[in-house]
Amino acid sequence: MDTIRPKNVRNYDIVIVGGGIVGLCIGYGLAKSQLGVAILDGNDADFSASRGNFGMISISNKGGNNIPYFRLSLTSGKLWPLFAEEIRECSGIDPHFDARGKVYLFLGERELDEQKRHIEEFSRRAGAEYRNEILDRESVDELLGYVGLGGTVSGGSFSPLDGSVDPLKFYSSLLRAYRVSGGHYLSGHIVERVVRDTTTFLVTTSAGRFSAPKVVIAAGLGIPALAEQVGLRVKVRPERGQIIVTERIAQAFNYPISGFLRQNVEGTVMIGSSREYAGCDDRTTVEILKDLAKGAVERLPLLRSVQINRCWAALRPRTLDGYPIYQESGEQPGAFVVSCHSGITLSALHAGFLPKWIMEGVRDGLLEPFGMERLRNEQPA
């Protein structure tokens, strides 16, 4: 390939394509090292998982069939307290990190028995690090603050491994911390082309050109087309998630409830989140929203009279097997692809571990199982 001789190009140490949670975490970790970092983000019309997440740091339900994924998530969970405090101090915005754990509720004895078997098997495979305690109906009601469980709730479980953040506050805190650390964030830059000569990548966007010896593609559903330009064939499909947000109410329950319910600091209750494969359709649907509301009321009847304020849907990027991808291009070294379905959970690890891999080639053993080799013969999960 001919050497690129660009004109009117802005030069950086590294360019990150994608300004969602994943791209910002990597960028923040790099910017702290006094590197010249540019994050190129699209616009509000782009599909974005960061605007539709539930804010959960979920560990106890990660990796039941893939213990390396559990250990990856667990390591990130251990890093989260320091990470949350760091970005709060740097940005001046509190992400409302909460490490108290998460409750699961089960409808009927069959669901409860299935969870018992799951916990026993998970504990056997993961060892003492896995913690999730089965609770009878009375105990789980007490833990939640005597909220009055629905009649079909048979019991639950509690894991102290999990946590949560306010999704919007966290994004704002992370973005400001990245900027305060010296990072450059450029929105409205839809990447059209990534080309490499012997030492440098030229990234052409709809609004300018950028040059760097390293480029990270963390653009969610935009990854496949861009990754192909650097010699990587990555398959990512959209998973739609719909969420309901209620009016503000007094404190109703003490812990987030699985992936169904959580109460934000200001009092609103988030209900969700669905998992649907509907292509690139990010609209809400009455059928799914009704199911979400019904499931919430079945578990906590007190929500029956609470008003719904808004609903939305977002598309999450999901690899064929549902696990992350951390891959450098063999054809074009210096180009990296990062894709995951758990951007919130893995945020602390992304900020702490990925910069060293990207800039120094030091790949932590926790990342090794998540290259693309495993996907050669995979079918969609």
Protein backbone atom coordinates (compact mmCIF):
# COMPACT_ATOMS: atom_id res chain seq x y z
CA MET A 1 0.00 0.00 0.00
CA ASP A 2 1.24 3.49 -0.80
CA THR A 3 2.30 5.71 2.06
CA ILE A 4 -0.47 8.10 3.11
CA ARG A 5 0.45 11.76 2.78
CA PRO A 6 -2.58 13.49 4.27
CA LYS A 7 -3.14 17.22 4.33
CA ASN A 8 -5.23 19.15 6.84
CA VAL A 9 -5.21 16.19 9.19
CA ARG A 10 -5.37 16.31 12.99
CA ASN A 11 -2.77 14.03 14.57
CA TYR A 12 -3.17 12.02 17.76
CA ASP A 13 -1.54 9.11 19.55
CA ILE A 14 -4.74 7.11 19.26
CA VAL A 15 -8.14 7.50 17.63
CA ILE A 16 -11.18 5.75 19.09
CA VAL A 17 -14.20 5.26 16.86
CA GLY A 18 -17.32 5.26 19.02
CA GLY A 19 -18.23 7.56 21.89
CA GLY A 20 -20.46 5.28 23.92
CA ILE A 21 -19.65 3.78 27.31
CA VAL A 22 -17.07 1.37 25.90
CA GLY A 23 -15.19 3.96 23.84
CA LEU A 24 -15.24 6.52 26.64
CA CYS A 25 -13.88 4.07 29.22
CA ILE A 26 -10.98 3.14 26.97
CA GLY A 27 -10.40 6.79 26.13
CA TYR A 28 -10.43 7.82 29.77
CA GLY A 29 -7.87 5.16 30.68
CA LEU A 30 -5.60 6.30 27.83
CA ALA A 31 -6.03 10.03 28.46
CA LYS A 32 -4.94 9.58 32.08
CA SER A 33 -1.55 8.49 30.71
CA GLN A 34 -1.10 11.89 29.03
CA LEU A 35 -1.64 10.44 25.55
CA GLY A 36 -3.24 12.40 22.75
CA VAL A 37 -6.63 10.73 22.41
CA ALA A 38 -9.50 11.56 20.07
CA ILE A 39 -12.92 9.93 20.31
CA LEU A 40 -14.93 10.23 17.11
CA ASP A 41 -18.65 9.87 17.70
CA GLY A 42 -21.62 10.02 15.37
CA ASN A 43 -24.85 11.90 16.01
CA ASP A 44 -28.15 11.48 17.81
CA ALA A 45 -29.63 9.52 14.91
CA ASP A 46 -27.15 6.67 15.47
CA PHE A 47 -28.22 3.48 17.20
CA SER A 48 -26.82 3.73 20.71
CA ALA A 49 -26.78 1.18 23.52
CA SER A 50 -25.45 3.77 25.97
CA ARG A 51 -28.72 5.69 25.97
CA GLY A 52 -30.78 2.58 26.70
CA ASN A 53 -28.93 0.68 29.40
CA PHE A 54 -30.30 -0.25 32.81
CA GLY A 55 -27.26 0.90 34.76
CA MET A 56 -26.67 -2.52 36.32
CA ILE A 57 -23.26 -3.90 37.26
CA SER A 58 -24.26 -7.53 36.87
CA ILE A 59 -21.85 -10.25 37.93
CA SER A 60 -23.84 -13.01 39.62
CA ASN A 61 -25.69 -13.85 36.39
CA LYS A 62 -22.68 -13.58 34.08
CA GLY A 63 -20.82 -16.59 32.77
CA GLY A 64 -22.79 -19.57 34.07
CA ASN A 65 -21.69 -21.47 30.98
CA ASN A 66 -18.45 -19.54 30.59
CA ILE A 67 -16.42 -19.20 33.77
CA PRO A 68 -13.77 -16.95 32.13
CA TYR A 69 -16.58 -14.46 31.47
CA PHE A 70 -17.62 -14.62 35.12
CA ARG A 71 -14.03 -13.96 36.21
CA LEU A 72 -13.76 -11.06 33.76
CA SER A 73 -16.95 -9.54 35.17
CA LEU A 74 -15.95 -10.25 38.77
CA THR A 75 -12.59 -8.53 38.29
CA SER A 76 -14.33 -5.47 36.90
CA GLY A 77 -16.74 -5.51 39.83
CA LYS A 78 -13.81 -5.42 42.25
CA LEU A 79 -12.37 -2.42 40.40
CA TRP A 80 -15.66 -0.51 40.33
CA PRO A 81 -15.56 1.20 43.78
CA LEU A 82 -12.23 2.91 43.09
CA PHE A 83 -13.20 3.64 39.48
CA ALA A 84 -16.48 5.28 40.52
CA GLU A 85 -14.75 7.42 43.14
CA GLU A 86 -12.06 8.41 40.67
CA ILE A 87 -14.42 9.64 37.96
CA ARG A 88 -16.60 11.37 40.58
CA GLU A 89 -13.62 13.34 41.89
CA CYS A 90 -12.30 14.06 38.40
CA SER A 91 -15.61 15.17 36.92
CA GLY A 92 -17.45 16.64 39.89
CA ILE A 93 -20.49 14.55 38.87
CA ASP A 94 -21.63 11.73 41.15
CA PRO A 95 -22.44 8.58 39.09
CA HIS A 96 -24.38 7.24 42.11
CA PHE A 97 -22.48 3.98 42.31
CA ASP A 98 -24.22 1.49 44.62
CA ALA A 99 -22.48 -1.74 45.62
CA ARG A 100 -25.14 -3.18 47.90
CA GLY A 101 -26.01 -6.13 45.67
CA LYS A 102 -29.05 -7.34 43.76
CA VAL A 103 -32.19 -9.36 44.52
CA TYR A 104 -33.79 -11.95 42.26
CA LEU A 105 -37.51 -12.71 42.52
CA PHE A 106 -39.09 -15.91 41.22
CA LEU A 107 -42.65 -16.70 40.28
CA GLY A 108 -43.75 -20.19 41.28
CA GLU A 109 -41.81 -23.09 42.71
CA ARG A 110 -40.44 -24.15 39.32
CA GLU A 111 -38.51 -20.88 38.83
CA LEU A 112 -37.18 -21.05 42.39
CA ASP A 113 -36.05 -24.68 41.96
CA GLU A 114 -34.31 -23.78 38.69
CA GLN A 115 -32.43 -20.98 40.45
CA LYS A 116 -31.37 -23.34 43.23
CA ARG A 117 -29.91 -25.75 40.68
CA HIS A 118 -28.26 -22.88 38.81
CA ILE A 119 -26.59 -21.55 41.96
CA GLU A 120 -25.38 -25.01 42.97
CA GLU A 121 -23.85 -25.64 39.55
CA PHE A 122 -22.39 -22.13 39.27
CA SER A 123 -20.85 -22.42 42.76
CA ARG A 124 -19.34 -25.79 41.88
CA ARG A 125 -17.72 -24.44 38.70
CA ALA A 126 -16.69 -20.97 39.90
CA GLY A 127 -15.68 -21.80 43.45
CA ALA A 128 -15.96 -19.72 46.59
CA GLU A 129 -15.84 -16.44 44.68
CA TYR A 130 -19.39 -16.98 43.47
CA ARG A 131 -21.96 -15.79 46.02
CA ASN A 132 -25.72 -15.98 45.62
CA GLU A 133 -27.98 -17.02 48.49
CA ILE A 134 -31.44 -18.56 48.10
CA LEU A 135 -34.11 -16.82 50.22
CA ASP A 136 -37.62 -17.88 51.10
CA ARG A 137 -40.53 -15.55 50.43
CA GLU A 138 -40.55 -13.98 53.90
CA SER A 139 -36.79 -13.36 53.91
CA VAL A 140 -36.75 -11.70 50.51
CA ASP A 141 -39.70 -9.49 51.45
CA GLU A 142 -37.84 -8.42 54.59
CA LEU A 143 -34.70 -7.69 52.57
CA LEU A 144 -36.64 -5.49 50.17
CA GLY A 145 -38.24 -3.58 53.03
CA TYR A 146 -41.59 -5.39 53.42
CA VAL A 147 -42.90 -4.11 50.12
CA GLY A 148 -45.70 -6.67 49.83
CA LEU A 149 -44.72 -9.26 47.25
CA GLY A 150 -47.10 -10.48 44.59
CA GLY A 151 -49.06 -13.64 45.38
CA THR A 152 -47.15 -15.80 42.90
CA VAL A 153 -43.68 -14.84 44.19
CA SER A 154 -42.28 -18.04 45.64
CA GLY A 155 -38.97 -16.68 46.92
CA GLY A 156 -35.78 -15.18 45.66
CA SER A 157 -32.05 -14.95 46.00
CA PHE A 158 -29.55 -12.26 46.88
CA SER A 159 -26.05 -11.68 45.55
CA PRO A 160 -23.70 -9.10 47.08
CA LEU A 161 -21.50 -9.25 43.97
CA ASP A 162 -23.72 -6.92 41.95
CA GLY A 163 -24.15 -3.17 41.91
CA SER A 164 -25.57 -0.30 39.92
CA VAL A 165 -25.01 3.26 38.74
CA ASP A 166 -27.36 5.93 37.50
CA PRO A 167 -26.96 5.38 33.74
CA LEU A 168 -27.29 9.02 32.70
CA LYS A 169 -25.18 10.41 35.55
CA PHE A 170 -22.51 7.82 34.89
CA TYR A 171 -22.25 8.73 31.22
CA SER A 172 -22.05 12.45 32.06
CA SER A 173 -19.43 11.82 34.73
CA LEU A 174 -17.35 9.62 32.44
CA LEU A 175 -17.47 12.07 29.53
CA ARG A 176 -16.41 14.99 31.70
CA ALA A 177 -13.66 12.96 33.40
CA TYR A 178 -12.32 12.03 29.96
CA ARG A 179 -12.26 15.66 28.87
CA VAL A 180 -10.74 16.90 32.13
CA SER A 181 -8.00 14.30 31.65
CA GLY A 182 -7.13 15.87 28.30
CA GLY A 183 -9.15 13.69 25.93
CA HIS A 184 -10.78 15.14 22.81
CA TYR A 185 -14.39 14.20 22.08
CA LEU A 186 -15.76 15.07 18.64
CA SER A 187 -19.42 14.40 17.89
CA GLY A 188 -20.96 14.54 14.45
CA HIS A 189 -17.98 12.65 13.01
CA ILE A 190 -19.36 9.63 11.21
CA VAL A 191 -16.37 7.52 10.18
CA GLU A 192 -16.37 6.65 6.50
CA ARG A 193 -12.95 5.11 5.97
CA VAL A 194 -9.99 3.73 7.90
CA VAL A 195 -6.76 3.26 5.88
CA ARG A 196 -3.28 2.29 7.07
CA ASP A 197 0.19 2.82 5.65
CA THR A 198 3.26 1.29 7.25
CA THR A 199 2.99 3.22 10.51
CA THR A 200 -0.17 5.33 10.60
CA PHE A 201 -3.92 5.05 10.27
CA LEU A 202 -5.85 7.76 8.47
CA VAL A 203 -9.44 7.98 9.67
CA THR A 204 -11.76 9.92 7.38
CA THR A 205 -15.06 11.17 8.74
CA SER A 206 -17.93 13.21 7.42
CA ALA A 207 -16.41 16.27 9.10
CA GLY A 208 -12.63 15.88 8.94
CA ARG A 209 -9.60 13.60 8.89
CA PHE A 210 -7.52 12.22 11.72
CA SER A 211 -4.21 10.39 11.91
CA ALA A 212 -2.80 8.09 14.60
CA PRO A 213 -0.54 5.05 14.90
CA LYS A 214 -3.31 3.25 16.82
CA VAL A 215 -7.04 3.03 16.19
CA VAL A 216 -9.73 1.36 18.30
CA ILE A 217 -13.07 0.49 16.75
CA ALA A 218 -15.67 0.47 19.53
CA ALA A 219 -18.65 1.60 17.50
CA GLY A 220 -21.23 -0.95 18.58
CA LEU A 221 -23.42 -1.96 15.65
CA GLY A 222 -21.12 0.01 13.34
CA ILE A 223 -18.23 -2.35 14.06
CA PRO A 224 -18.64 -4.90 11.22
CA ALA A 225 -18.29 -2.44 8.33
CA LEU A 226 -15.36 -0.59 9.92
CA ALA A 227 -13.57 -3.71 11.17
CA GLU A 228 -13.54 -5.12 7.66
CA GLN A 229 -11.48 -2.11 6.55
CA VAL A 230 -8.71 -3.18 8.95
CA GLY A 231 -8.82 -6.85 8.04
CA LEU A 232 -11.21 -8.20 10.67
CA ARG A 233 -14.54 -9.90 9.94
CA VAL A 234 -16.70 -9.28 12.99
CA LYS A 235 -20.34 -10.26 13.25
CA VAL A 236 -22.50 -8.19 15.60
CA ARG A 237 -26.27 -8.25 15.65
CA PRO A 238 -28.73 -5.80 17.21
CA GLU A 239 -30.61 -6.81 20.35
CA ARG A 240 -33.50 -4.50 21.17
CA GLY A 241 -34.26 -3.63 24.76
CA GLN A 242 -37.33 -1.69 25.86
CA ILE A 243 -37.55 0.19 29.15
CA ILE A 244 -40.34 1.90 31.10
CA VAL A 245 -39.72 4.78 33.49
CA THR A 246 -42.35 5.78 36.05
CA GLU A 247 -43.12 8.97 37.89
CA ARG A 248 -41.16 9.75 41.03
CA ILE A 249 -42.36 7.95 44.14
CA ALA A 250 -41.12 7.53 47.70
CA GLN A 251 -38.48 4.87 48.32
CA ALA A 252 -40.31 1.66 47.43
CA PHE A 253 -37.74 -1.14 47.69
CA ASN A 254 -34.21 -1.41 49.02
CA TYR A 255 -32.35 -3.23 46.21
CA PRO A 256 -32.43 -3.53 42.44
CA ILE A 257 -34.44 -6.57 41.42
CA SER A 258 -32.70 -8.73 38.83
CA GLY A 259 -33.04 -7.17 35.37
CA PHE A 260 -36.63 -6.15 35.99
CA LEU A 261 -36.79 -3.27 38.44
CA ARG A 262 -34.64 -0.58 39.96
CA GLN A 263 -35.39 2.72 41.63
CA ASN A 264 -33.18 5.67 40.75
CA VAL A 265 -31.91 8.20 43.25
CA GLU A 266 -34.52 10.78 42.25
CA GLY A 267 -37.34 8.26 42.84
CA THR A 268 -38.29 7.11 39.35
CA VAL A 269 -38.61 3.36 38.82
CA MET A 270 -37.10 1.71 35.75
CA ILE A 271 -38.89 -1.38 34.47
CA GLY A 272 -37.30 -3.61 31.87
CA SER A 273 -35.49 -4.75 30.01
CA SER A 274 -36.59 -6.85 27.08
CA ARG A 275 -34.35 -8.90 24.78
CA GLU A 276 -35.61 -8.98 21.20
CA TYR A 277 -34.15 -9.55 17.77
CA ALA A 278 -36.01 -7.20 15.47
CA GLY A 279 -33.25 -6.09 13.14
CA CYS A 280 -32.47 -2.39 13.30
CA ASP A 281 -35.93 -1.41 14.50
CA ASP A 282 -35.47 0.63 17.69
CA ARG A 283 -39.13 1.51 18.21
CA THR A 284 -41.12 0.55 21.29
CA THR A 285 -44.01 -1.88 20.95
CA VAL A 286 -47.22 -2.02 22.97
CA GLU A 287 -47.02 -5.80 23.40
CA ILE A 288 -43.58 -5.78 25.01
CA LEU A 289 -44.30 -2.77 27.21
CA LYS A 290 -47.48 -4.46 28.47
CA ASP A 291 -45.49 -7.59 29.31
CA LEU A 292 -42.88 -5.54 31.18
CA ALA A 293 -45.52 -3.69 33.19
CA LYS A 294 -47.37 -6.93 33.95
CA GLY A 295 -44.18 -8.61 35.16
CA ALA A 296 -43.40 -5.66 37.43
CA VAL A 297 -46.86 -5.66 39.02
CA GLU A 298 -46.81 -9.44 39.48
CA ARG A 299 -43.69 -9.04 41.58
CA LEU A 300 -44.50 -5.76 43.31
CA PRO A 301 -48.24 -4.96 43.33
CA LEU A 302 -47.52 -1.51 44.82
CA LEU A 303 -46.52 -0.40 41.30
CA ARG A 304 -50.04 -0.96 39.97
CA SER A 305 -51.09 2.63 40.66
CA VAL A 306 -47.81 4.29 39.66
CA GLN A 307 -47.95 6.43 36.54
CA ILE A 308 -45.70 5.71 33.57
CA ASN A 309 -43.83 8.82 32.42
CA ARG A 310 -41.92 7.58 29.39
CA CYS A 311 -40.76 4.52 27.46
CA TRP A 312 -37.93 3.95 25.05
CA ALA A 313 -36.05 1.27 23.18
CA ALA A 314 -32.39 0.96 22.24
CA LEU A 315 -30.31 -1.51 20.26
CA ARG A 316 -27.45 -3.29 21.99
CA PRO A 317 -24.60 -4.88 20.01
CA ARG A 318 -24.42 -8.62 20.59
CA THR A 319 -21.75 -10.98 19.29
CA LEU A 320 -22.78 -14.42 18.04
CA ASP A 321 -22.12 -16.10 21.39
CA GLY A 322 -22.96 -13.08 23.55
CA TYR A 323 -19.43 -12.69 24.95
CA PRO A 324 -16.98 -9.80 24.44
CA ILE A 325 -14.48 -9.44 21.63
CA TYR A 326 -11.01 -7.98 22.25
CA GLN A 327 -9.01 -8.37 19.06
CA GLU A 328 -6.06 -6.72 17.35
CA SER A 329 -5.87 -7.04 13.58
CA GLY A 330 -3.15 -9.40 12.36
CA GLU A 331 -3.35 -7.90 8.90
CA GLN A 332 -3.11 -4.31 10.13
CA PRO A 333 -1.39 -4.26 13.56
CA GLY A 334 -2.34 -1.27 15.66
CA ALA A 335 -6.04 -1.60 14.81
CA PHE A 336 -8.19 -3.00 17.60
CA VAL A 337 -11.83 -4.03 17.85
CA VAL A 338 -13.66 -3.98 21.19
CA SER A 339 -17.25 -5.15 21.37
CA CYS A 340 -19.29 -6.25 24.36
CA HIS A 341 -22.84 -6.61 25.57
CA SER A 342 -22.02 -5.51 29.13
CA GLY A 343 -20.51 -2.07 28.79
CA ILE A 344 -21.57 -0.93 32.26
CA THR A 345 -20.40 -4.05 34.10
CA LEU A 346 -17.04 -4.09 32.33
CA SER A 347 -16.43 -0.33 32.45
CA ALA A 348 -13.89 -0.39 35.26
CA LEU A 349 -11.94 -3.20 33.62
CA HIS A 350 -11.99 -1.47 30.23
CA ALA A 351 -10.57 1.72 31.73
CA GLY A 352 -7.95 -0.15 33.73
CA PHE A 353 -6.82 -3.07 31.54
CA LEU A 354 -7.34 -2.16 27.89
CA PRO A 355 -5.02 0.89 27.63
CA LYS A 356 -1.97 -1.23 28.51
CA TRP A 357 -2.91 -3.85 25.92
CA ILE A 358 -3.55 -1.24 23.23
CA MET A 359 -0.46 0.90 23.81
CA GLU A 360 2.08 -1.64 25.09
CA GLY A 361 0.85 -4.95 23.70
CA VAL A 362 0.46 -6.36 27.21
CA ARG A 363 -2.65 -8.52 27.01
CA ASP A 364 -3.91 -9.60 30.42
CA GLY A 365 -4.72 -13.28 30.72
CA LEU A 366 -8.33 -12.43 31.55
CA LEU A 367 -8.75 -11.12 27.99
CA GLU A 368 -7.25 -14.15 26.25
CA PRO A 369 -10.46 -16.22 25.95
CA PHE A 370 -12.20 -13.36 24.15
CA GLY A 371 -10.38 -13.10 20.87
CA MET A 372 -12.14 -13.91 17.62
CA GLU A 373 -10.72 -17.41 17.18
CA ARG A 374 -13.55 -18.90 19.22
CA LEU A 375 -16.17 -17.58 16.80
CA ARG A 376 -15.04 -19.31 13.63
CA ASN A 377 -17.65 -22.05 13.94
CA GLU A 378 -20.14 -20.31 16.21
CA GLN A 379 -23.85 -20.05 15.49
CA PRO A 380 -26.05 -17.30 17.03
CA ALA A 381 -26.92 -17.99 20.69
